[in-house]
Amino acid sequence: MKRITHDGVSPNALVLSIEQNIVNQVSIPNTFITDQSIPQIDDVPGMQPTLYVKLNTQELFFNYSRPETLQDQVQRLQNQQSIMKNAMDDLIMGGGL
């Protein structure tokens, strides 16, 4: 038996932990007990698997996504920096400081 803990978001919840060979079967929020096996991870080049559960059926499945590259991170930070610079310029030019 396994205890699956998830984030509780419907209809597909992110699996946070899996406890194997549980002894205490006390009901805990955002968990369920199952004897189903963990699905096999498919080898999808360039993609990262994340385990989810369909809450209405308690079916486990993997969702595959592209990991953020260094270039993606730099672009995101540059965009955030530009927004903050524009906000600071507006405050200074508008007499906020």
PDB file of N, CA and C in Angstrom:
ATOM      1  N   MET A   1       0.844  -1.186   0.000  1.00  0.00           N
ATOM      2  CA  MET A   1       0.000   0.000   0.000  1.00  0.00           C
ATOM      3  C   MET A   1       0.884   1.243   0.000  1.00  0.00           C
ATOM      4  N   LYS A   2       0.367   2.273  -0.656  1.00  0.00           N
ATOM      5  CA  LYS A   2       1.087   3.540  -0.741  1.00  0.00           C
ATOM      6  C   LYS A   2       0.164   4.671  -0.316  1.00  0.00           C
ATOM      7  N   ARG A   3       0.742   5.687   0.332  1.00  0.00           N
ATOM      8  CA  ARG A   3      -0.001   6.911   0.632  1.00  0.00           C
ATOM      9  C   ARG A   3       0.528   7.985  -0.315  1.00  0.00           C
ATOM     10  N   ILE A   4      -0.369   8.528  -1.140  1.00  0.00           N
ATOM     11  CA  ILE A   4      -0.029   9.577  -2.098  1.00  0.00           C
ATOM     12  C   ILE A   4      -0.485  10.907  -1.511  1.00  0.00           C
ATOM     13  N   THR A   5       0.428  11.849  -1.408  1.00  0.00           N
ATOM     14  CA  THR A   5       0.101  13.204  -0.953  1.00  0.00           C
ATOM     15  C   THR A   5       0.178  14.123  -2.158  1.00  0.00           C
ATOM     16  N   HIS A   6      -0.841  14.979  -2.307  1.00  0.00           N
ATOM     17  CA  HIS A   6      -0.901  15.877  -3.467  1.00  0.00           C
ATOM     18  C   HIS A   6      -1.240  17.287  -3.013  1.00  0.00           C
ATOM     19  N   ASP A   7      -1.163  18.243  -3.957  1.00  0.00           N
ATOM     20  CA  ASP A   7      -1.397  19.648  -3.606  1.00  0.00           C
ATOM     21  C   ASP A   7      -2.872  20.027  -3.559  1.00  0.00           C
ATOM     22  N   GLY A   8      -3.768  19.138  -3.933  1.00  0.00           N
ATOM     23  CA  GLY A   8      -5.200  19.379  -3.791  1.00  0.00           C
ATOM     24  C   GLY A   8      -5.835  20.203  -4.888  1.00  0.00           C
ATOM     25  N   VAL A   9      -5.076  20.593  -5.906  1.00  0.00           N
ATOM     26  CA  VAL A   9      -5.623  21.399  -6.992  1.00  0.00           C
ATOM     27  C   VAL A   9      -6.394  20.481  -7.941  1.00  0.00           C
ATOM     28  N   SER A  10      -7.621  20.851  -8.256  1.00  0.00           N
ATOM     29  CA  SER A  10      -8.463  20.034  -9.139  1.00  0.00           C
ATOM     30  C   SER A  10      -8.308  20.478 -10.578  1.00  0.00           C
ATOM     31  N   PRO A  11      -8.569  19.652 -11.547  1.00  0.00           N
ATOM     32  CA  PRO A  11      -8.859  18.222 -11.453  1.00  0.00           C
ATOM     33  C   PRO A  11      -7.592  17.364 -11.415  1.00  0.00           C
ATOM     34  N   ASN A  12      -6.461  17.945 -11.832  1.00  0.00           N
ATOM     35  CA  ASN A  12      -5.193  17.204 -11.820  1.00  0.00           C
ATOM     36  C   ASN A  12      -4.269  17.831 -10.791  1.00  0.00           C
ATOM     37  N   ALA A  13      -3.906  17.071  -9.776  1.00  0.00           N
ATOM     38  CA  ALA A  13      -3.101  17.593  -8.667  1.00  0.00           C
ATOM     39  C   ALA A  13      -1.661  17.104  -8.774  1.00  0.00           C
ATOM     40  N   LEU A  14      -0.741  17.973  -8.399  1.00  0.00           N
ATOM     41  CA  LEU A  14       0.677  17.639  -8.367  1.00  0.00           C
ATOM     42  C   LEU A  14       0.940  16.683  -7.212  1.00  0.00           C
ATOM     43  N   VAL A  15       1.623  15.575  -7.477  1.00  0.00           N
ATOM     44  CA  VAL A  15       1.983  14.624  -6.421  1.00  0.00           C
ATOM     45  C   VAL A  15       3.175  15.185  -5.665  1.00  0.00           C
ATOM     46  N   LEU A  16       3.027  15.331  -4.345  1.00  0.00           N
ATOM     47  CA  LEU A  16       4.082  15.895  -3.507  1.00  0.00           C
ATOM     48  C   LEU A  16       4.947  14.822  -2.873  1.00  0.00           C
ATOM     49  N   SER A  17       4.340  13.692  -2.504  1.00  0.00           N
ATOM     50  CA  SER A  17       5.126  12.610  -1.902  1.00  0.00           C
ATOM     51  C   SER A  17       4.392  11.284  -2.051  1.00  0.00           C
ATOM     52  N   ILE A  18       5.187  10.216  -1.973  1.00  0.00           N
ATOM     53  CA  ILE A  18       4.654   8.855  -1.993  1.00  0.00           C
ATOM     54  C   ILE A  18       5.314   8.099  -0.856  1.00  0.00           C
ATOM     55  N   GLU A  19       4.496   7.584   0.064  1.00  0.00           N
ATOM     56  CA  GLU A  19       5.002   6.770   1.174  1.00  0.00           C
ATOM     57  C   GLU A  19       4.678   5.312   0.870  1.00  0.00           C
ATOM     58  N   GLN A  20       5.682   4.470   0.906  1.00  0.00           N
ATOM     59  CA  GLN A  20       5.501   3.048   0.630  1.00  0.00           C
ATOM     60  C   GLN A  20       5.389   2.273   1.935  1.00  0.00           C
ATOM     61  N   ASN A  21       4.726   1.140   1.881  1.00  0.00           N
ATOM     62  CA  ASN A  21       4.592   0.226   3.029  1.00  0.00           C
ATOM     63  C   ASN A  21       4.105   0.947   4.284  1.00  0.00           C
ATOM     64  N   ILE A  22       3.034   1.699   4.149  1.00  0.00           N
ATOM     65  CA  ILE A  22       2.526   2.466   5.287  1.00  0.00           C
ATOM     66  C   ILE A  22       1.902   1.537   6.320  1.00  0.00           C
ATOM     67  N   VAL A  23       2.056   1.905   7.572  1.00  0.00           N
ATOM     68  CA  VAL A  23       1.483   1.148   8.677  1.00  0.00           C
ATOM     69  C   VAL A  23       0.243   1.868   9.187  1.00  0.00           C
ATOM     70  N   ASN A  24       0.374   3.177   9.378  1.00  0.00           N
ATOM     71  CA  ASN A  24      -0.710   3.993   9.898  1.00  0.00           C
ATOM     72  C   ASN A  24      -1.560   4.490   8.733  1.00  0.00           C
ATOM     73  N   GLN A  25      -2.800   4.001   8.629  1.00  0.00           N
ATOM     74  CA  GLN A  25      -3.669   4.386   7.526  1.00  0.00           C
ATOM     75  C   GLN A  25      -4.668   5.457   7.937  1.00  0.00           C
ATOM     76  N   VAL A  26      -4.225   6.380   8.779  1.00  0.00           N
ATOM     77  CA  VAL A  26      -5.074   7.484   9.227  1.00  0.00           C
ATOM     78  C   VAL A  26      -5.336   8.418   8.051  1.00  0.00           C
ATOM     79  N   SER A  27      -6.554   8.918   7.971  1.00  0.00           N
ATOM     80  CA  SER A  27      -6.913   9.845   6.905  1.00  0.00           C
ATOM     81  C   SER A  27      -6.243  11.197   7.139  1.00  0.00           C
ATOM     82  N   ILE A  28      -5.556  11.685   6.130  1.00  0.00           N
ATOM     83  CA  ILE A  28      -4.857  12.968   6.179  1.00  0.00           C
ATOM     84  C   ILE A  28      -5.354  13.786   4.996  1.00  0.00           C
ATOM     85  N   PRO A  29      -5.590  15.097   5.177  1.00  0.00           N
ATOM     86  CA  PRO A  29      -6.052  15.919   4.053  1.00  0.00           C
ATOM     87  C   PRO A  29      -5.089  15.837   2.863  1.00  0.00           C
ATOM     88  N   ASN A  30      -5.650  15.875   1.663  1.00  0.00           N
ATOM     89  CA  ASN A  30      -4.904  15.841   0.405  1.00  0.00           C
ATOM     90  C   ASN A  30      -4.055  14.581   0.253  1.00  0.00           C
ATOM     91  N   THR A  31      -4.557  13.461   0.757  1.00  0.00           N
ATOM     92  CA  THR A  31      -3.878  12.178   0.567  1.00  0.00           C
ATOM     93  C   THR A  31      -4.909  11.113   0.214  1.00  0.00           C
ATOM     94  N   PHE A  32      -4.427  10.034  -0.353  1.00  0.00           N
ATOM     95  CA  PHE A  32      -5.253   8.842  -0.528  1.00  0.00           C
ATOM     96  C   PHE A  32      -4.337   7.627  -0.487  1.00  0.00           C
ATOM     97  N   ILE A  33      -4.921   6.500  -0.161  1.00  0.00           N
ATOM     98  CA  ILE A  33      -4.180   5.243  -0.045  1.00  0.00           C
ATOM     99  C   ILE A  33      -4.514   4.402  -1.277  1.00  0.00           C
ATOM    100  N   THR A  34      -3.494   3.810  -1.870  1.00  0.00           N
ATOM    101  CA  THR A  34      -3.701   3.024  -3.079  1.00  0.00           C
ATOM    102  C   THR A  34      -2.709   1.869  -3.137  1.00  0.00           C
ATOM    103  N   ASP A  35      -3.049   0.883  -3.948  1.00  0.00           N
ATOM    104  CA  ASP A  35      -2.100  -0.199  -4.203  1.00  0.00           C
ATOM    105  C   ASP A  35      -1.672  -0.211  -5.668  1.00  0.00           C
ATOM    106  N   GLN A  36      -2.073   0.822  -6.412  1.00  0.00           N
ATOM    107  CA  GLN A  36      -1.678   0.887  -7.820  1.00  0.00           C
ATOM    108  C   GLN A  36      -0.184   1.178  -7.961  1.00  0.00           C
ATOM    109  N   SER A  37       0.374   0.758  -9.064  1.00  0.00           N
ATOM    110  CA  SER A  37       1.804   0.973  -9.288  1.00  0.00           C
ATOM    111  C   SER A  37       2.041   2.364  -9.875  1.00  0.00           C
ATOM    112  N   ILE A  38       3.258   2.848  -9.675  1.00  0.00           N
ATOM    113  CA  ILE A  38       3.655   4.141 -10.228  1.00  0.00           C
ATOM    114  C   ILE A  38       3.898   3.932 -11.726  1.00  0.00           C
ATOM    115  N   PRO A  39       3.353   4.808 -12.580  1.00  0.00           N
ATOM    116  CA  PRO A  39       3.577   4.618 -14.017  1.00  0.00           C
ATOM    117  C   PRO A  39       5.053   4.777 -14.381  1.00  0.00           C
ATOM    118  N   GLN A  40       5.435   4.147 -15.460  1.00  0.00           N
ATOM    119  CA  GLN A  40       6.805   4.250 -15.951  1.00  0.00           C
ATOM    120  C   GLN A  40       7.010   5.608 -16.622  1.00  0.00           C
ATOM    121  N   ILE A  41       8.200   6.163 -16.434  1.00  0.00           N
ATOM    122  CA  ILE A  41       8.547   7.436 -17.069  1.00  0.00           C
ATOM    123  C   ILE A  41       8.954   7.150 -18.511  1.00  0.00           C
ATOM    124  N   ASP A  42       8.330   7.864 -19.447  1.00  0.00           N
ATOM    125  CA  ASP A  42       8.723   7.754 -20.850  1.00  0.00           C
ATOM    126  C   ASP A  42       9.960   8.608 -21.081  1.00  0.00           C
ATOM    127  N   ASP A  43      10.862   8.125 -21.904  1.00  0.00           N
ATOM    128  CA  ASP A  43      12.069   8.882 -22.222  1.00  0.00           C
ATOM    129  C   ASP A  43      11.747   9.851 -23.352  1.00  0.00           C
ATOM    130  N   VAL A  44      11.405  11.088 -22.973  1.00  0.00           N
ATOM    131  CA  VAL A  44      11.083  12.121 -23.947  1.00  0.00           C
ATOM    132  C   VAL A  44      12.261  13.093 -23.970  1.00  0.00           C
ATOM    133  N   PRO A  45      13.034  13.105 -25.054  1.00  0.00           N
ATOM    134  CA  PRO A  45      14.227  13.956 -25.099  1.00  0.00           C
ATOM    135  C   PRO A  45      13.899  15.434 -24.889  1.00  0.00           C
ATOM    136  N   GLY A  46      14.665  16.075 -24.010  1.00  0.00           N
ATOM    137  CA  GLY A  46      14.500  17.500 -23.751  1.00  0.00           C
ATOM    138  C   GLY A  46      13.320  17.854 -22.868  1.00  0.00           C
ATOM    139  N   MET A  47      12.636  16.858 -22.322  1.00  0.00           N
ATOM    140  CA  MET A  47      11.462  17.115 -21.490  1.00  0.00           C
ATOM    141  C   MET A  47      11.685  16.543 -20.094  1.00  0.00           C
ATOM    142  N   GLN A  48      11.046  17.185 -19.111  1.00  0.00           N
ATOM    143  CA  GLN A  48      11.187  16.790 -17.708  1.00  0.00           C
ATOM    144  C   GLN A  48       9.842  16.261 -17.203  1.00  0.00           C
ATOM    145  N   PRO A  49       9.799  15.029 -16.640  1.00  0.00           N
ATOM    146  CA  PRO A  49       8.535  14.472 -16.163  1.00  0.00           C
ATOM    147  C   PRO A  49       8.151  14.999 -14.778  1.00  0.00           C
ATOM    148  N   THR A  50       6.848  15.211 -14.588  1.00  0.00           N
ATOM    149  CA  THR A  50       6.296  15.598 -13.293  1.00  0.00           C
ATOM    150  C   THR A  50       5.087  14.711 -13.036  1.00  0.00           C
ATOM    151  N   LEU A  51       5.024  14.104 -11.838  1.00  0.00           N
ATOM    152  CA  LEU A  51       3.947  13.170 -11.517  1.00  0.00           C
ATOM    153  C   LEU A  51       2.710  13.915 -11.019  1.00  0.00           C
ATOM    154  N   TYR A  52       1.556  13.587 -11.606  1.00  0.00           N
ATOM    155  CA  TYR A  52       0.269  14.167 -11.236  1.00  0.00           C
ATOM    156  C   TYR A  52      -0.717  13.045 -10.937  1.00  0.00           C
ATOM    157  N   VAL A  53      -1.845  13.418 -10.322  1.00  0.00           N
ATOM    158  CA  VAL A  53      -2.924  12.472 -10.078  1.00  0.00           C
ATOM    159  C   VAL A  53      -4.237  13.111 -10.516  1.00  0.00           C
ATOM    160  N   LYS A  54      -5.072  12.329 -11.214  1.00  0.00           N
ATOM    161  CA  LYS A  54      -6.430  12.762 -11.544  1.00  0.00           C
ATOM    162  C   LYS A  54      -7.260  12.512 -10.293  1.00  0.00           C
ATOM    163  N   LEU A  55      -7.736  13.564  -9.664  1.00  0.00           N
ATOM    164  CA  LEU A  55      -8.405  13.416  -8.370  1.00  0.00           C
ATOM    165  C   LEU A  55      -9.714  12.638  -8.462  1.00  0.00           C
ATOM    166  N   ASN A  56     -10.428  12.751  -9.578  1.00  0.00           N
ATOM    167  CA  ASN A  56     -11.715  12.049  -9.657  1.00  0.00           C
ATOM    168  C   ASN A  56     -11.547  10.536  -9.817  1.00  0.00           C
ATOM    169  N   THR A  57     -10.407  10.081 -10.381  1.00  0.00           N
ATOM    170  CA  THR A  57     -10.184   8.645 -10.569  1.00  0.00           C
ATOM    171  C   THR A  57      -8.986   8.116  -9.781  1.00  0.00           C
ATOM    172  N   GLN A  58      -8.207   9.003  -9.194  1.00  0.00           N
ATOM    173  CA  GLN A  58      -6.969   8.678  -8.472  1.00  0.00           C
ATOM    174  C   GLN A  58      -5.955   7.981  -9.381  1.00  0.00           C
ATOM    175  N   GLU A  59      -6.003   8.294 -10.671  1.00  0.00           N
ATOM    176  CA  GLU A  59      -5.054   7.742 -11.642  1.00  0.00           C
ATOM    177  C   GLU A  59      -3.786   8.594 -11.654  1.00  0.00           C
ATOM    178  N   LEU A  60      -2.640   7.938 -11.532  1.00  0.00           N
ATOM    179  CA  LEU A  60      -1.350   8.624 -11.575  1.00  0.00           C
ATOM    180  C   LEU A  60      -0.871   8.717 -13.021  1.00  0.00           C
ATOM    181  N   PHE A  61      -0.290   9.865 -13.379  1.00  0.00           N
ATOM    182  CA  PHE A  61       0.250  10.034 -14.731  1.00  0.00           C
ATOM    183  C   PHE A  61       1.352  11.081 -14.711  1.00  0.00           C
ATOM    184  N   PHE A  62       2.202  11.030 -15.713  1.00  0.00           N
ATOM    185  CA  PHE A  62       3.276  12.007 -15.849  1.00  0.00           C
ATOM    186  C   PHE A  62       2.891  13.062 -16.870  1.00  0.00           C
ATOM    187  N   ASN A  63       3.217  14.319 -16.550  1.00  0.00           N
ATOM    188  CA  ASN A  63       3.100  15.428 -17.482  1.00  0.00           C
ATOM    189  C   ASN A  63       4.531  15.837 -17.820  1.00  0.00           C
ATOM    190  N   TYR A  64       4.807  16.069 -19.080  1.00  0.00           N
ATOM    191  CA  TYR A  64       6.163  16.389 -19.521  1.00  0.00           C
ATOM    192  C   TYR A  64       6.239  17.854 -19.933  1.00  0.00           C
ATOM    193  N   SER A  65       7.271  18.535 -19.449  1.00  0.00           N
ATOM    194  CA  SER A  65       7.459  19.943 -19.785  1.00  0.00           C
ATOM    195  C   SER A  65       8.933  20.208 -20.074  1.00  0.00           C
ATOM    196  N   ARG A  66       9.162  21.252 -20.839  1.00  0.00           N
ATOM    197  CA  ARG A  66      10.527  21.630 -21.180  1.00  0.00           C
ATOM    198  C   ARG A  66      11.119  22.397 -20.006  1.00  0.00           C
ATOM    199  N   PRO A  67      12.289  21.992 -19.514  1.00  0.00           N
ATOM    200  CA  PRO A  67      12.900  22.733 -18.408  1.00  0.00           C
ATOM    201  C   PRO A  67      13.351  24.116 -18.874  1.00  0.00           C
ATOM    202  N   GLU A  68      13.334  25.060 -17.957  1.00  0.00           N
ATOM    203  CA  GLU A  68      13.747  26.427 -18.270  1.00  0.00           C
ATOM    204  C   GLU A  68      15.254  26.452 -18.529  1.00  0.00           C
ATOM    205  N   THR A  69      15.640  27.005 -19.666  1.00  0.00           N
ATOM    206  CA  THR A  69      17.060  27.097 -20.005  1.00  0.00           C
ATOM    207  C   THR A  69      17.665  28.341 -19.375  1.00  0.00           C
ATOM    208  N   LEU A  70      18.978  28.430 -19.406  1.00  0.00           N
ATOM    209  CA  LEU A  70      19.671  29.605 -18.891  1.00  0.00           C
ATOM    210  C   LEU A  70      19.234  30.855 -19.654  1.00  0.00           C
ATOM    211  N   GLN A  71      19.056  30.732 -20.958  1.00  0.00           N
ATOM    212  CA  GLN A  71      18.605  31.872 -21.758  1.00  0.00           C
ATOM    213  C   GLN A  71      17.202  32.310 -21.344  1.00  0.00           C
ATOM    214  N   ASP A  72      16.321  31.358 -21.048  1.00  0.00           N
ATOM    215  CA  ASP A  72      14.973  31.688 -20.581  1.00  0.00           C
ATOM    216  C   ASP A  72      15.033  32.446 -19.261  1.00  0.00           C
ATOM    217  N   GLN A  73      15.890  31.998 -18.350  1.00  0.00           N
ATOM    218  CA  GLN A  73      16.030  32.651 -17.048  1.00  0.00           C
ATOM    219  C   GLN A  73      16.546  34.069 -17.208  1.00  0.00           C
ATOM    220  N   VAL A  74      17.560  34.257 -18.062  1.00  0.00           N
ATOM    221  CA  VAL A  74      18.122  35.593 -18.293  1.00  0.00           C
ATOM    222  C   VAL A  74      17.059  36.507 -18.884  1.00  0.00           C
ATOM    223  N   GLN A  75      16.297  36.014 -19.864  1.00  0.00           N
ATOM    224  CA  GLN A  75      15.253  36.829 -20.488  1.00  0.00           C
ATOM    225  C   GLN A  75      14.181  37.219 -19.471  1.00  0.00           C
ATOM    226  N   ARG A  76      13.780  36.269 -18.622  1.00  0.00           N
ATOM    227  CA  ARG A  76      12.771  36.562 -17.597  1.00  0.00           C
ATOM    228  C   ARG A  76      13.278  37.624 -16.627  1.00  0.00           C
ATOM    229  N   LEU A  77      14.535  37.507 -16.195  1.00  0.00           N
ATOM    230  CA  LEU A  77      15.113  38.494 -15.280  1.00  0.00           C
ATOM    231  C   LEU A  77      15.253  39.859 -15.937  1.00  0.00           C
ATOM    232  N   GLN A  78      15.620  39.895 -17.216  1.00  0.00           N
ATOM    233  CA  GLN A  78      15.721  41.173 -17.923  1.00  0.00           C
ATOM    234  C   GLN A  78      14.353  41.842 -18.026  1.00  0.00           C
ATOM    235  N   ASN A  79      13.318  41.062 -18.287  1.00  0.00           N
ATOM    236  CA  ASN A  79      11.959  41.614 -18.349  1.00  0.00           C
ATOM    237  C   ASN A  79      11.537  42.182 -16.999  1.00  0.00           C
ATOM    238  N   GLN A  80      11.820  41.447 -15.917  1.00  0.00           N
ATOM    239  CA  GLN A  80      11.477  41.934 -14.577  1.00  0.00           C
ATOM    240  C   GLN A  80      12.253  43.200 -14.245  1.00  0.00           C
ATOM    241  N   GLN A  81      13.525  43.232 -14.611  1.00  0.00           N
ATOM    242  CA  GLN A  81      14.360  44.408 -14.345  1.00  0.00           C
ATOM    243  C   GLN A  81      13.829  45.623 -15.105  1.00  0.00           C
ATOM    244  N   SER A  82      13.409  45.424 -16.338  1.00  0.00           N
ATOM    245  CA  SER A  82      12.863  46.515 -17.140  1.00  0.00           C
ATOM    246  C   SER A  82      11.581  47.068 -16.519  1.00  0.00           C
ATOM    247  N   ILE A  83      10.726  46.194 -16.035  1.00  0.00           N
ATOM    248  CA  ILE A  83       9.483  46.630 -15.381  1.00  0.00           C
ATOM    249  C   ILE A  83       9.797  47.435 -14.128  1.00  0.00           C
ATOM    250  N   MET A  84      10.748  46.950 -13.326  1.00  0.00           N
ATOM    251  CA  MET A  84      11.112  47.668 -12.096  1.00  0.00           C
ATOM    252  C   MET A  84      11.756  49.016 -12.418  1.00  0.00           C
ATOM    253  N   LYS A  85      12.600  49.077 -13.448  1.00  0.00           N
ATOM    254  CA  LYS A  85      13.243  50.334 -13.834  1.00  0.00           C
ATOM    255  C   LYS A  85      12.193  51.341 -14.284  1.00  0.00           C
ATOM    256  N   ASN A  86      11.232  50.898 -15.088  1.00  0.00           N
ATOM    257  CA  ASN A  86      10.168  51.794 -15.542  1.00  0.00           C
ATOM    258  C   ASN A  86       9.337  52.304 -14.371  1.00  0.00           C
ATOM    259  N   ALA A  87       9.058  51.443 -13.401  1.00  0.00           N
ATOM    260  CA  ALA A  87       8.292  51.865 -12.220  1.00  0.00           C
ATOM    261  C   ALA A  87       9.079  52.879 -11.406  1.00  0.00           C
ATOM    262  N   MET A  88      10.379  52.654 -11.237  1.00  0.00           N
ATOM    263  CA  MET A  88      11.222  53.614 -10.503  1.00  0.00           C
ATOM    264  C   MET A  88      11.298  54.942 -11.248  1.00  0.00           C
ATOM    265  N   ASP A  89      11.448  54.909 -12.571  1.00  0.00           N
ATOM    266  CA  ASP A  89      11.475  56.141 -13.365  1.00  0.00           C
ATOM    267  C   ASP A  89      10.171  56.910 -13.211  1.00  0.00           C
ATOM    268  N   ASP A  90       9.046  56.203 -13.229  1.00  0.00           N
ATOM    269  CA  ASP A  90       7.748  56.861 -13.052  1.00  0.00           C
ATOM    270  C   ASP A  90       7.650  57.523 -11.687  1.00  0.00           C
ATOM    271  N   LEU A  91       8.147  56.856 -10.646  1.00  0.00           N
ATOM    272  CA  LEU A  91       8.111  57.436  -9.302  1.00  0.00           C
ATOM    273  C   LEU A  91       8.990  58.678  -9.216  1.00  0.00           C
ATOM    274  N   ILE A  92      10.188  58.599  -9.781  1.00  0.00           N
ATOM    275  CA  ILE A  92      11.121  59.728  -9.712  1.00  0.00           C
ATOM    276  C   ILE A  92      10.606  60.890 -10.540  1.00  0.00           C
ATOM    277  N   MET A  93      10.194  60.639 -11.755  1.00  0.00           N
ATOM    278  CA  MET A  93       9.728  61.709 -12.646  1.00  0.00           C
ATOM    279  C   MET A  93       8.378  62.260 -12.203  1.00  0.00           C
ATOM    280  N   GLY A  94       7.599  61.444 -11.548  1.00  0.00           N
ATOM    281  CA  GLY A  94       6.291  61.892 -11.102  1.00  0.00           C
ATOM    282  C   GLY A  94       6.330  62.584  -9.751  1.00  0.00           C
ATOM    283  N   GLY A  95       7.507  62.724  -9.175  1.00  0.00           N
ATOM    284  CA  GLY A  95       7.632  63.394  -7.885  1.00  0.00           C
ATOM    285  C   GLY A  95       7.322  62.504  -6.709  1.00  0.00           C
ATOM    286  N   GLY A  96       7.322  61.204  -6.914  1.00  0.00           N
ATOM    287  CA  GLY A  96       7.031  60.279  -5.831  1.00  0.00           C
ATOM    288  C   GLY A  96       8.128  60.215  -4.789  1.00  0.00           C
ATOM    289  N   LEU A  97       9.359  60.594  -5.155  1.00  0.00           N
ATOM    290  CA  LEU A  97      10.465  60.546  -4.206  1.00  0.00           C
ATOM    291  C   LEU A  97      10.913  61.928  -3.835  1.00  0.00           C
TER     292      LEU A  97
END
